[in-house]
N, C-alpha and C. Protein backbone atom coordinates (compact mmCIF):
# COMPACT_ATOMS: atom_id res chain seq x y z
N UNK A 1 0.85 -1.17 0.00
CA UNK A 1 0.00 0.00 0.00
C UNK A 1 0.89 1.23 0.00
N UNK A 2 0.67 2.14 -0.90
CA UNK A 2 1.46 3.38 -0.90
C UNK A 2 1.23 4.18 0.39
N UNK A 3 2.26 4.83 0.85
CA UNK A 3 2.17 5.58 2.10
C UNK A 3 1.07 6.65 2.05
N UNK A 4 0.84 7.23 0.89
CA UNK A 4 -0.17 8.29 0.81
C UNK A 4 -1.59 7.75 0.97
N UNK A 5 -1.77 6.43 0.90
CA UNK A 5 -3.09 5.84 1.10
C UNK A 5 -3.32 5.36 2.53
N UNK A 6 -2.34 5.57 3.40
CA UNK A 6 -2.48 5.16 4.80
C UNK A 6 -3.64 5.90 5.47
N UNK A 7 -4.40 5.17 6.25
CA UNK A 7 -5.41 5.77 7.14
C UNK A 7 -4.67 6.23 8.40
N UNK A 8 -5.30 7.05 9.23
CA UNK A 8 -4.62 7.49 10.46
C UNK A 8 -4.09 6.34 11.31
N UNK A 9 -4.87 5.27 11.45
CA UNK A 9 -4.40 4.11 12.23
C UNK A 9 -3.18 3.46 11.59
N UNK A 10 -3.12 3.44 10.26
CA UNK A 10 -1.96 2.88 9.57
C UNK A 10 -0.70 3.68 9.89
N UNK A 11 -0.82 5.00 9.89
CA UNK A 11 0.33 5.86 10.22
C UNK A 11 0.80 5.62 11.65
N UNK A 12 -0.15 5.44 12.56
CA UNK A 12 0.19 5.18 13.97
C UNK A 12 0.92 3.85 14.09
N UNK A 13 0.37 2.81 13.47
CA UNK A 13 1.00 1.48 13.53
C UNK A 13 2.39 1.51 12.89
N UNK A 14 2.49 2.18 11.76
CA UNK A 14 3.76 2.23 11.04
C UNK A 14 4.82 2.97 11.85
N UNK A 15 4.43 4.01 12.55
CA UNK A 15 5.40 4.80 13.31
C UNK A 15 6.05 4.00 14.44
N UNK A 16 5.36 2.97 14.93
CA UNK A 16 5.91 2.15 16.01
C UNK A 16 7.02 1.22 15.53
N UNK A 17 7.00 0.90 14.26
CA UNK A 17 8.01 -0.02 13.72
C UNK A 17 8.46 0.42 12.33
N UNK A 18 8.67 1.72 12.17
CA UNK A 18 8.95 2.29 10.85
C UNK A 18 10.18 1.69 10.19
N UNK A 19 11.27 1.61 10.90
CA UNK A 19 12.51 1.12 10.29
C UNK A 19 12.39 -0.33 9.84
N UNK A 20 11.91 -1.19 10.73
CA UNK A 20 11.83 -2.61 10.38
C UNK A 20 10.78 -2.86 9.31
N UNK A 21 9.66 -2.13 9.36
CA UNK A 21 8.64 -2.36 8.33
C UNK A 21 9.12 -1.88 6.96
N UNK A 22 9.85 -0.76 6.92
CA UNK A 22 10.40 -0.30 5.65
C UNK A 22 11.48 -1.26 5.14
N UNK A 23 12.28 -1.78 6.05
CA UNK A 23 13.30 -2.75 5.66
C UNK A 23 12.67 -4.01 5.09
N UNK A 24 11.64 -4.53 5.77
CA UNK A 24 10.97 -5.72 5.28
C UNK A 24 10.27 -5.47 3.94
N UNK A 25 9.70 -4.30 3.81
CA UNK A 25 9.04 -3.94 2.55
C UNK A 25 10.07 -3.89 1.41
N UNK A 26 11.22 -3.31 1.68
CA UNK A 26 12.28 -3.25 0.68
C UNK A 26 12.81 -4.65 0.36
N UNK A 27 13.00 -5.48 1.39
CA UNK A 27 13.49 -6.84 1.17
C UNK A 27 12.50 -7.64 0.33
N UNK A 28 11.23 -7.50 0.63
CA UNK A 28 10.20 -8.18 -0.15
C UNK A 28 10.24 -7.71 -1.60
N UNK A 29 10.39 -6.42 -1.79
CA UNK A 29 10.44 -5.87 -3.14
C UNK A 29 11.68 -6.37 -3.88
N UNK A 30 12.81 -6.47 -3.18
CA UNK A 30 14.04 -6.91 -3.84
C UNK A 30 13.96 -8.37 -4.27
N UNK A 31 13.13 -9.17 -3.58
CA UNK A 31 12.93 -10.55 -4.01
C UNK A 31 12.41 -10.62 -5.44
N UNK A 32 11.72 -9.60 -5.85
CA UNK A 32 11.13 -9.59 -7.18
C UNK A 32 12.18 -9.50 -8.29
N UNK A 33 13.41 -9.20 -7.94
CA UNK A 33 14.47 -9.19 -8.96
C UNK A 33 14.69 -10.58 -9.54
N UNK A 34 14.26 -11.58 -8.82
CA UNK A 34 14.39 -12.93 -9.33
C UNK A 34 13.38 -13.21 -10.44
N UNK A 35 12.38 -12.38 -10.53
CA UNK A 35 11.32 -12.60 -11.50
C UNK A 35 11.61 -11.82 -12.78
N UNK A 36 11.22 -12.35 -13.91
CA UNK A 36 11.62 -11.75 -15.18
C UNK A 36 10.83 -10.55 -15.65
N UNK A 37 9.62 -10.31 -15.15
CA UNK A 37 8.80 -9.23 -15.68
C UNK A 37 9.16 -7.89 -15.03
N UNK A 38 9.39 -6.90 -15.84
CA UNK A 38 9.72 -5.57 -15.32
C UNK A 38 8.59 -5.01 -14.45
N UNK A 39 7.35 -5.38 -14.74
CA UNK A 39 6.23 -4.88 -13.95
C UNK A 39 6.24 -5.43 -12.53
N UNK A 40 7.03 -6.46 -12.26
CA UNK A 40 7.12 -7.02 -10.91
C UNK A 40 8.25 -6.40 -10.11
N UNK A 41 9.05 -5.55 -10.72
CA UNK A 41 10.16 -4.92 -10.02
C UNK A 41 9.63 -3.92 -9.01
N UNK A 42 10.40 -3.61 -7.99
CA UNK A 42 9.95 -2.68 -6.95
C UNK A 42 9.62 -1.29 -7.49
N UNK A 43 8.61 -0.70 -6.93
CA UNK A 43 8.23 0.66 -7.25
C UNK A 43 8.88 1.57 -6.22
N UNK A 44 9.85 2.40 -6.63
CA UNK A 44 10.55 3.24 -5.66
C UNK A 44 9.64 4.20 -4.92
N UNK A 45 8.46 4.47 -5.45
CA UNK A 45 7.52 5.35 -4.76
C UNK A 45 6.98 4.72 -3.48
N UNK A 46 7.16 3.40 -3.34
CA UNK A 46 6.64 2.70 -2.16
C UNK A 46 7.70 2.46 -1.10
N UNK A 47 8.91 2.92 -1.36
CA UNK A 47 10.00 2.76 -0.39
C UNK A 47 10.56 4.15 -0.09
N UNK A 48 10.52 4.53 1.17
CA UNK A 48 10.93 5.88 1.55
C UNK A 48 12.42 5.95 1.89
N UNK A 49 13.24 5.56 0.97
CA UNK A 49 14.68 5.69 1.12
C UNK A 49 15.19 6.31 -0.17
N UNK A 50 15.77 7.50 -0.07
CA UNK A 50 16.19 8.22 -1.26
C UNK A 50 17.16 7.43 -2.13
N UNK A 51 17.99 6.63 -1.53
CA UNK A 51 19.00 5.91 -2.30
C UNK A 51 18.48 4.62 -2.91
N UNK A 52 17.20 4.28 -2.70
CA UNK A 52 16.66 3.01 -3.18
C UNK A 52 16.83 2.84 -4.69
N UNK A 53 16.49 3.85 -5.46
CA UNK A 53 16.59 3.74 -6.91
C UNK A 53 18.03 3.47 -7.34
N UNK A 54 18.96 4.15 -6.72
CA UNK A 54 20.36 3.94 -7.06
C UNK A 54 20.90 2.58 -6.64
N UNK A 55 20.23 1.96 -5.71
CA UNK A 55 20.69 0.66 -5.22
C UNK A 55 20.14 -0.51 -6.03
N UNK A 56 19.34 -0.23 -7.04
CA UNK A 56 18.80 -1.32 -7.86
C UNK A 56 19.90 -2.15 -8.49
N UNK A 57 20.93 -1.49 -9.00
CA UNK A 57 22.04 -2.22 -9.61
C UNK A 57 22.73 -3.09 -8.59
N UNK A 58 22.95 -2.56 -7.40
CA UNK A 58 23.58 -3.33 -6.33
C UNK A 58 22.73 -4.53 -5.96
N UNK A 59 21.43 -4.33 -5.84
CA UNK A 59 20.52 -5.43 -5.50
C UNK A 59 20.56 -6.51 -6.58
N UNK A 60 20.54 -6.09 -7.82
CA UNK A 60 20.59 -7.05 -8.92
C UNK A 60 21.89 -7.84 -8.89
N UNK A 61 23.00 -7.14 -8.70
CA UNK A 61 24.31 -7.80 -8.63
C UNK A 61 24.36 -8.78 -7.45
N UNK A 62 23.76 -8.40 -6.33
CA UNK A 62 23.74 -9.29 -5.16
C UNK A 62 22.97 -10.57 -5.49
N UNK A 63 21.86 -10.45 -6.18
CA UNK A 63 21.10 -11.64 -6.57
C UNK A 63 21.95 -12.52 -7.47
N UNK A 64 22.59 -11.93 -8.47
CA UNK A 64 23.41 -12.71 -9.41
C UNK A 64 24.56 -13.40 -8.67
N UNK A 65 25.27 -12.65 -7.82
CA UNK A 65 26.43 -13.22 -7.11
C UNK A 65 26.01 -14.28 -6.10
N UNK A 66 24.93 -14.04 -5.38
CA UNK A 66 24.50 -15.03 -4.39
C UNK A 66 23.96 -16.28 -5.06
N UNK A 67 23.27 -16.12 -6.18
CA UNK A 67 22.78 -17.29 -6.91
C UNK A 67 23.95 -18.11 -7.45
N UNK A 68 24.98 -17.44 -7.94
CA UNK A 68 26.15 -18.15 -8.44
C UNK A 68 26.82 -18.93 -7.31
N UNK A 69 26.93 -18.33 -6.14
CA UNK A 69 27.54 -19.01 -4.99
C UNK A 69 26.68 -20.20 -4.57
N UNK A 70 25.36 -20.01 -4.59
CA UNK A 70 24.46 -21.11 -4.21
C UNK A 70 24.59 -22.27 -5.19
N UNK A 71 24.64 -21.95 -6.49
CA UNK A 71 24.79 -22.99 -7.50
C UNK A 71 26.14 -23.70 -7.38
N UNK A 72 27.14 -23.00 -6.81
CA UNK A 72 28.45 -23.60 -6.61
C UNK A 72 28.51 -24.43 -5.33
N UNK A 73 27.41 -24.47 -4.58
CA UNK A 73 27.35 -25.34 -3.41
C UNK A 73 27.25 -24.65 -2.06
N UNK A 74 27.24 -23.33 -2.02
CA UNK A 74 27.13 -22.61 -0.74
C UNK A 74 25.71 -22.73 -0.20
N UNK A 75 25.60 -22.70 1.12
CA UNK A 75 24.27 -22.67 1.74
C UNK A 75 23.62 -21.32 1.44
N UNK A 76 22.34 -21.18 1.73
CA UNK A 76 21.64 -19.93 1.46
C UNK A 76 22.31 -18.73 2.10
N UNK A 77 22.59 -18.82 3.40
CA UNK A 77 23.20 -17.70 4.11
C UNK A 77 24.62 -17.44 3.60
N UNK A 78 25.38 -18.52 3.39
CA UNK A 78 26.75 -18.35 2.90
C UNK A 78 26.77 -17.77 1.49
N UNK A 79 25.78 -18.12 0.68
CA UNK A 79 25.71 -17.57 -0.67
C UNK A 79 25.48 -16.06 -0.63
N UNK A 80 24.60 -15.62 0.26
CA UNK A 80 24.35 -14.18 0.39
C UNK A 80 25.60 -13.48 0.93
N UNK A 81 26.24 -14.07 1.92
CA UNK A 81 27.47 -13.47 2.46
C UNK A 81 28.55 -13.39 1.40
N UNK A 82 28.65 -14.41 0.56
CA UNK A 82 29.64 -14.37 -0.53
C UNK A 82 29.31 -13.25 -1.51
N UNK A 83 28.04 -13.09 -1.82
CA UNK A 83 27.64 -11.99 -2.70
C UNK A 83 27.96 -10.64 -2.11
N UNK A 84 27.67 -10.48 -0.83
CA UNK A 84 27.98 -9.21 -0.14
C UNK A 84 29.48 -8.94 -0.13
N UNK A 85 30.26 -9.99 0.13
CA UNK A 85 31.72 -9.82 0.17
C UNK A 85 32.24 -9.46 -1.22
N UNK A 86 31.70 -10.09 -2.25
CA UNK A 86 32.13 -9.79 -3.60
C UNK A 86 31.85 -8.32 -3.95
N UNK A 87 30.73 -7.83 -3.49
CA UNK A 87 30.37 -6.44 -3.75
C UNK A 87 31.03 -5.49 -2.76
N UNK A 88 31.85 -6.05 -1.87
CA UNK A 88 32.57 -5.29 -0.85
C UNK A 88 31.64 -4.52 0.09
N UNK A 89 30.48 -5.15 0.35
CA UNK A 89 29.52 -4.57 1.29
C UNK A 89 29.77 -5.08 2.69
N UNK A 90 30.58 -6.17 2.78
CA UNK A 90 31.06 -6.67 4.07
C UNK A 90 32.49 -7.12 3.87
N UNK A 91 33.21 -7.30 4.97
CA UNK A 91 34.59 -7.78 4.85
C UNK A 91 34.70 -9.18 5.39
């Protein structure tokens, strides 16, 4: 639901867990990079982080790198960590 469609109760609920709900919303949206249709990609208007649009390339690269690690035999978590390390997002 776009933020501008929130009812007053929605704004109240969201304010109690704003950071985690926005993070989960972004994570859910980033899962859509695995899907081939452009219409399934995240709508930056629904994520209130200015850098979100610029991070699309990073998110896509993370999916590609983590999938490659998983196909090479890494566990799910290790595949993501390998992708992050490759992108130098962790050491």
